[in-house]
Amino acid sequence: MFDLLDAHFHVERKGGPGIYDASWSDERIALETKLDVGVVAYYRDAVYGPALNPRIRELESAVERLEAKFREELATLQTMHKSLQSEMQTAIDLLHSEISALARAEAKGGRNDV
């Protein structure tokens, strides 16, 4: 039992919760050693510490994946924003240039349509 716990149960910090490798659990160690699952859980708790609910690791992994996807999507949106900003500024600059040219032309010609 202890060899299997050593091989498949990992504690991140002394006294803190540990986690089993994928597909390993108190139940599997009990099956492998022909011990009662309560005995395995008792000694695992006493010697190694409590077992972390594997769902917590699954959820942490899901959060990490979503955060990575968010960073990727945000980078894409920032690139799109810069591109759109540049295109719009170019269009605005062209319109301002045309307005200035028309205003200069009218000023030279003395035209006043008011």
N, C-alpha and C. Protein backbone atom coordinates (compact mmCIF):
# COMPACT_ATOMS: atom_id res chain seq x y z
N MET A 1 0.82 -1.18 0.00
CA MET A 1 0.00 0.00 0.00
C MET A 1 0.87 1.26 0.00
N PHE A 2 1.88 1.30 0.85
CA PHE A 2 2.71 2.50 0.93
C PHE A 2 3.51 2.74 -0.34
N ASP A 3 3.95 1.64 -0.97
CA ASP A 3 4.65 1.79 -2.25
C ASP A 3 3.74 2.42 -3.30
N LEU A 4 2.49 1.99 -3.34
CA LEU A 4 1.53 2.55 -4.29
C LEU A 4 1.21 4.01 -3.95
N LEU A 5 1.08 4.31 -2.68
CA LEU A 5 0.85 5.70 -2.27
C LEU A 5 2.05 6.57 -2.65
N ASP A 6 3.25 6.05 -2.39
CA ASP A 6 4.46 6.80 -2.77
C ASP A 6 4.50 7.07 -4.27
N ALA A 7 4.10 6.10 -5.03
CA ALA A 7 4.18 6.23 -6.49
C ALA A 7 3.06 7.07 -7.09
N HIS A 8 1.88 7.06 -6.47
CA HIS A 8 0.71 7.66 -7.14
C HIS A 8 0.00 8.77 -6.38
N PHE A 9 0.47 9.11 -5.18
CA PHE A 9 -0.15 10.18 -4.40
C PHE A 9 0.90 11.24 -4.15
N HIS A 10 0.60 12.48 -4.52
CA HIS A 10 1.59 13.55 -4.45
C HIS A 10 1.07 14.70 -3.60
N VAL A 11 1.91 15.12 -2.66
CA VAL A 11 1.57 16.22 -1.77
C VAL A 11 2.42 17.42 -2.15
N GLU A 12 1.78 18.56 -2.38
CA GLU A 12 2.52 19.76 -2.79
C GLU A 12 3.28 20.38 -1.63
N ARG A 13 2.66 20.42 -0.46
CA ARG A 13 3.35 20.93 0.72
C ARG A 13 2.98 20.08 1.93
N LYS A 14 3.94 19.91 2.82
CA LYS A 14 3.76 19.02 3.98
C LYS A 14 2.51 19.43 4.76
N GLY A 15 1.68 18.45 5.03
CA GLY A 15 0.46 18.69 5.78
C GLY A 15 -0.70 19.18 4.92
N GLY A 16 -0.39 19.55 3.70
CA GLY A 16 -1.44 20.04 2.80
C GLY A 16 -2.07 18.90 2.05
N PRO A 17 -3.11 19.20 1.32
CA PRO A 17 -3.77 18.14 0.56
C PRO A 17 -2.89 17.63 -0.58
N GLY A 18 -3.10 16.38 -0.92
CA GLY A 18 -2.38 15.78 -2.03
C GLY A 18 -3.37 15.35 -3.09
N ILE A 19 -2.81 14.87 -4.18
CA ILE A 19 -3.67 14.42 -5.27
C ILE A 19 -3.10 13.15 -5.87
N TYR A 20 -4.02 12.31 -6.30
CA TYR A 20 -3.63 11.06 -6.96
C TYR A 20 -3.33 11.32 -8.43
N ASP A 21 -2.47 10.47 -8.99
CA ASP A 21 -2.29 10.45 -10.44
C ASP A 21 -3.62 10.07 -11.07
N ALA A 22 -3.76 10.40 -12.34
CA ALA A 22 -4.99 10.05 -13.06
C ALA A 22 -5.27 8.57 -12.91
N SER A 23 -6.49 8.25 -12.66
CA SER A 23 -7.03 6.89 -12.52
C SER A 23 -6.62 6.19 -11.22
N TRP A 24 -5.93 6.88 -10.33
CA TRP A 24 -5.58 6.30 -9.03
C TRP A 24 -6.42 6.95 -7.94
N SER A 25 -6.74 6.17 -6.91
CA SER A 25 -7.57 6.65 -5.81
C SER A 25 -7.39 5.69 -4.63
N ASP A 26 -7.99 6.07 -3.52
CA ASP A 26 -8.00 5.15 -2.37
C ASP A 26 -8.63 3.83 -2.78
N GLU A 27 -9.70 3.92 -3.55
CA GLU A 27 -10.41 2.71 -3.98
C GLU A 27 -9.50 1.81 -4.82
N ARG A 28 -8.77 2.39 -5.75
CA ARG A 28 -7.90 1.57 -6.60
C ARG A 28 -6.79 0.92 -5.80
N ILE A 29 -6.21 1.69 -4.88
CA ILE A 29 -5.16 1.10 -4.05
C ILE A 29 -5.73 -0.02 -3.19
N ALA A 30 -6.95 0.18 -2.69
CA ALA A 30 -7.61 -0.88 -1.91
C ALA A 30 -7.79 -2.13 -2.77
N LEU A 31 -8.21 -1.95 -4.02
CA LEU A 31 -8.36 -3.10 -4.93
C LEU A 31 -7.03 -3.80 -5.19
N GLU A 32 -6.01 -2.98 -5.46
CA GLU A 32 -4.69 -3.55 -5.78
C GLU A 32 -4.08 -4.30 -4.59
N THR A 33 -4.33 -3.82 -3.39
CA THR A 33 -3.71 -4.41 -2.20
C THR A 33 -4.63 -5.35 -1.44
N LYS A 34 -5.89 -5.41 -1.87
CA LYS A 34 -6.89 -6.24 -1.21
C LYS A 34 -7.15 -5.78 0.22
N LEU A 35 -6.95 -4.48 0.47
CA LEU A 35 -7.26 -3.89 1.77
C LEU A 35 -8.59 -3.17 1.68
N ASP A 36 -9.17 -2.91 2.82
CA ASP A 36 -10.40 -2.14 2.87
C ASP A 36 -10.08 -0.68 2.50
N VAL A 37 -10.96 -0.05 1.77
CA VAL A 37 -10.73 1.33 1.35
C VAL A 37 -10.60 2.26 2.55
N GLY A 38 -11.30 1.95 3.64
CA GLY A 38 -11.18 2.75 4.86
C GLY A 38 -9.78 2.70 5.45
N VAL A 39 -9.16 1.53 5.36
CA VAL A 39 -7.79 1.38 5.86
C VAL A 39 -6.84 2.22 5.01
N VAL A 40 -6.99 2.14 3.71
CA VAL A 40 -6.13 2.93 2.81
C VAL A 40 -6.31 4.42 3.09
N ALA A 41 -7.57 4.87 3.19
CA ALA A 41 -7.85 6.29 3.44
C ALA A 41 -7.28 6.73 4.79
N TYR A 42 -7.41 5.88 5.80
CA TYR A 42 -6.91 6.21 7.14
C TYR A 42 -5.39 6.43 7.10
N TYR A 43 -4.66 5.48 6.52
CA TYR A 43 -3.20 5.59 6.49
C TYR A 43 -2.73 6.68 5.53
N ARG A 44 -3.46 6.87 4.44
CA ARG A 44 -3.08 7.96 3.53
C ARG A 44 -3.21 9.29 4.25
N ASP A 45 -4.34 9.48 4.96
CA ASP A 45 -4.54 10.72 5.73
C ASP A 45 -3.47 10.88 6.80
N ALA A 46 -3.19 9.81 7.53
CA ALA A 46 -2.25 9.88 8.65
C ALA A 46 -0.81 10.13 8.19
N VAL A 47 -0.40 9.50 7.12
CA VAL A 47 0.99 9.58 6.69
C VAL A 47 1.23 10.67 5.65
N TYR A 48 0.32 10.80 4.71
CA TYR A 48 0.54 11.71 3.57
C TYR A 48 -0.30 12.99 3.64
N GLY A 49 -1.46 12.89 4.27
CA GLY A 49 -2.36 14.03 4.33
C GLY A 49 -3.63 13.74 3.56
N PRO A 50 -4.57 14.68 3.63
CA PRO A 50 -5.86 14.47 2.96
C PRO A 50 -5.72 14.49 1.44
N ALA A 51 -6.67 13.85 0.80
CA ALA A 51 -6.69 13.84 -0.67
C ALA A 51 -7.52 15.02 -1.16
N LEU A 52 -6.95 15.75 -2.08
CA LEU A 52 -7.66 16.87 -2.71
C LEU A 52 -8.70 16.30 -3.65
N ASN A 53 -9.85 16.89 -3.63
CA ASN A 53 -10.89 16.46 -4.56
C ASN A 53 -10.38 16.65 -5.98
N PRO A 54 -10.32 15.61 -6.81
CA PRO A 54 -9.78 15.73 -8.16
C PRO A 54 -10.55 16.75 -9.01
N ARG A 55 -11.79 17.00 -8.66
CA ARG A 55 -12.59 17.98 -9.41
C ARG A 55 -11.97 19.37 -9.30
N ILE A 56 -11.32 19.64 -8.17
CA ILE A 56 -10.66 20.94 -8.01
C ILE A 56 -9.57 21.11 -9.06
N ARG A 57 -8.76 20.08 -9.27
CA ARG A 57 -7.71 20.16 -10.30
C ARG A 57 -8.32 20.33 -11.69
N GLU A 58 -9.41 19.61 -11.94
CA GLU A 58 -10.09 19.74 -13.24
C GLU A 58 -10.56 21.18 -13.45
N LEU A 59 -11.14 21.75 -12.41
CA LEU A 59 -11.64 23.12 -12.51
C LEU A 59 -10.49 24.12 -12.66
N GLU A 60 -9.41 23.90 -11.92
CA GLU A 60 -8.23 24.78 -12.06
C GLU A 60 -7.68 24.71 -13.48
N SER A 61 -7.65 23.52 -14.04
CA SER A 61 -7.19 23.35 -15.41
C SER A 61 -8.10 24.07 -16.40
N ALA A 62 -9.40 23.97 -16.17
CA ALA A 62 -10.36 24.66 -17.03
C ALA A 62 -10.18 26.17 -16.95
N VAL A 63 -9.94 26.67 -15.75
CA VAL A 63 -9.70 28.11 -15.58
C VAL A 63 -8.44 28.53 -16.34
N GLU A 64 -7.38 27.75 -16.22
CA GLU A 64 -6.13 28.06 -16.92
C GLU A 64 -6.34 28.08 -18.44
N ARG A 65 -7.11 27.12 -18.96
CA ARG A 65 -7.38 27.09 -20.40
C ARG A 65 -8.17 28.32 -20.83
N LEU A 66 -9.18 28.67 -20.04
CA LEU A 66 -9.99 29.85 -20.38
C LEU A 66 -9.18 31.13 -20.29
N GLU A 67 -8.31 31.23 -19.30
CA GLU A 67 -7.46 32.42 -19.19
C GLU A 67 -6.52 32.53 -20.39
N ALA A 68 -5.96 31.41 -20.82
CA ALA A 68 -5.08 31.42 -22.00
C ALA A 68 -5.86 31.82 -23.24
N LYS A 69 -7.06 31.28 -23.41
CA LYS A 69 -7.90 31.64 -24.55
C LYS A 69 -8.27 33.12 -24.50
N PHE A 70 -8.57 33.62 -23.31
CA PHE A 70 -8.90 35.03 -23.16
C PHE A 70 -7.72 35.90 -23.59
N ARG A 71 -6.50 35.54 -23.16
CA ARG A 71 -5.31 36.32 -23.55
C ARG A 71 -5.12 36.31 -25.06
N GLU A 72 -5.33 35.14 -25.68
CA GLU A 72 -5.20 35.04 -27.15
C GLU A 72 -6.25 35.91 -27.84
N GLU A 73 -7.49 35.81 -27.39
CA GLU A 73 -8.58 36.58 -28.01
C GLU A 73 -8.37 38.07 -27.79
N LEU A 74 -7.90 38.44 -26.60
CA LEU A 74 -7.64 39.84 -26.31
C LEU A 74 -6.54 40.38 -27.22
N ALA A 75 -5.50 39.61 -27.43
CA ALA A 75 -4.42 40.03 -28.33
C ALA A 75 -4.95 40.22 -29.75
N THR A 76 -5.81 39.31 -30.19
CA THR A 76 -6.42 39.43 -31.51
C THR A 76 -7.26 40.70 -31.61
N LEU A 77 -8.07 40.94 -30.58
CA LEU A 77 -8.90 42.15 -30.57
C LEU A 77 -8.06 43.42 -30.54
N GLN A 78 -6.97 43.40 -29.80
CA GLN A 78 -6.11 44.58 -29.75
C GLN A 78 -5.48 44.84 -31.11
N THR A 79 -5.09 43.79 -31.81
CA THR A 79 -4.54 43.95 -33.16
C THR A 79 -5.60 44.50 -34.10
N MET A 80 -6.81 43.95 -34.01
CA MET A 80 -7.91 44.44 -34.85
C MET A 80 -8.21 45.91 -34.53
N HIS A 81 -8.18 46.27 -33.26
CA HIS A 81 -8.44 47.65 -32.84
C HIS A 81 -7.41 48.60 -33.44
N LYS A 82 -6.14 48.23 -33.35
CA LYS A 82 -5.07 49.07 -33.90
C LYS A 82 -5.23 49.23 -35.40
N SER A 83 -5.57 48.14 -36.08
CA SER A 83 -5.75 48.18 -37.53
C SER A 83 -6.93 49.08 -37.89
N LEU A 84 -8.05 48.92 -37.21
CA LEU A 84 -9.22 49.75 -37.47
C LEU A 84 -8.94 51.21 -37.15
N GLN A 85 -8.24 51.45 -36.06
CA GLN A 85 -7.90 52.82 -35.68
C GLN A 85 -7.03 53.46 -36.76
N SER A 86 -6.07 52.72 -37.27
CA SER A 86 -5.19 53.23 -38.33
C SER A 86 -5.98 53.52 -39.61
N GLU A 87 -6.85 52.59 -40.00
CA GLU A 87 -7.67 52.79 -41.21
C GLU A 87 -8.58 54.01 -41.07
N MET A 88 -9.21 54.12 -39.90
CA MET A 88 -10.12 55.25 -39.68
C MET A 88 -9.36 56.57 -39.65
N GLN A 89 -8.18 56.57 -39.02
CA GLN A 89 -7.39 57.80 -38.96
C GLN A 89 -6.95 58.22 -40.35
N THR A 90 -6.58 57.25 -41.19
CA THR A 90 -6.21 57.55 -42.57
C THR A 90 -7.38 58.16 -43.31
N ALA A 91 -8.57 57.60 -43.17
CA ALA A 91 -9.77 58.13 -43.82
C ALA A 91 -10.09 59.53 -43.32
N ILE A 92 -9.98 59.74 -42.01
CA ILE A 92 -10.24 61.07 -41.43
C ILE A 92 -9.22 62.08 -41.95
N ASP A 93 -7.96 61.68 -41.99
CA ASP A 93 -6.91 62.59 -42.50
C ASP A 93 -7.18 62.98 -43.95
N LEU A 94 -7.62 62.02 -44.76
CA LEU A 94 -7.94 62.33 -46.16
C LEU A 94 -9.11 63.32 -46.24
N LEU A 95 -10.12 63.13 -45.43
CA LEU A 95 -11.25 64.05 -45.42
C LEU A 95 -10.83 65.44 -44.96
N HIS A 96 -9.99 65.51 -43.93
CA HIS A 96 -9.48 66.81 -43.47
C HIS A 96 -8.67 67.50 -44.57
N SER A 97 -7.87 66.72 -45.28
CA SER A 97 -7.08 67.28 -46.38
C SER A 97 -7.99 67.85 -47.46
N GLU A 98 -9.04 67.12 -47.79
CA GLU A 98 -9.97 67.60 -48.81
C GLU A 98 -10.68 68.87 -48.35
N ILE A 99 -11.10 68.88 -47.08
CA ILE A 99 -11.73 70.07 -46.52
C ILE A 99 -10.79 71.26 -46.59
N SER A 100 -9.53 71.06 -46.20
CA SER A 100 -8.55 72.15 -46.23
C SER A 100 -8.32 72.63 -47.65
N ALA A 101 -8.20 71.70 -48.59
CA ALA A 101 -7.98 72.07 -49.99
C ALA A 101 -9.17 72.88 -50.53
N LEU A 102 -10.37 72.43 -50.23
CA LEU A 102 -11.55 73.16 -50.67
C LEU A 102 -11.63 74.54 -50.03
N ALA A 103 -11.30 74.64 -48.75
CA ALA A 103 -11.33 75.92 -48.05
C ALA A 103 -10.30 76.87 -48.64
N ARG A 104 -9.09 76.37 -48.94
CA ARG A 104 -8.05 77.22 -49.56
C ARG A 104 -8.49 77.68 -50.94
N ALA A 105 -9.07 76.77 -51.70
CA ALA A 105 -9.51 77.11 -53.06
C ALA A 105 -10.59 78.17 -53.02
N GLU A 106 -11.51 78.04 -52.09
CA GLU A 106 -12.58 79.04 -51.99
C GLU A 106 -12.02 80.37 -51.49
N ALA A 107 -11.04 80.31 -50.60
CA ALA A 107 -10.45 81.55 -50.09
C ALA A 107 -9.71 82.28 -51.20
N LYS A 108 -9.03 81.57 -52.09
CA LYS A 108 -8.31 82.17 -53.21
C LYS A 108 -9.29 82.80 -54.19
N GLY A 109 -10.37 82.11 -54.41
CA GLY A 109 -11.34 82.58 -55.40
C GLY A 109 -12.27 83.65 -54.84
N GLY A 110 -12.21 83.87 -53.55
CA GLY A 110 -13.04 84.87 -52.93
C GLY A 110 -14.50 84.50 -52.92
N ARG A 111 -14.76 83.29 -53.13
CA ARG A 111 -16.13 82.83 -53.19
C ARG A 111 -16.75 82.84 -51.81
N ASN A 112 -17.96 83.31 -51.72
CA ASN A 112 -18.67 83.37 -50.45
C ASN A 112 -20.12 83.06 -50.73
N ASP A 113 -20.58 81.88 -50.39
CA ASP A 113 -21.96 81.45 -50.70
C ASP A 113 -22.92 81.75 -49.56
N VAL A 114 -22.51 82.58 -48.61
CA VAL A 114 -23.37 82.82 -47.44
C VAL A 114 -24.45 83.80 -47.78
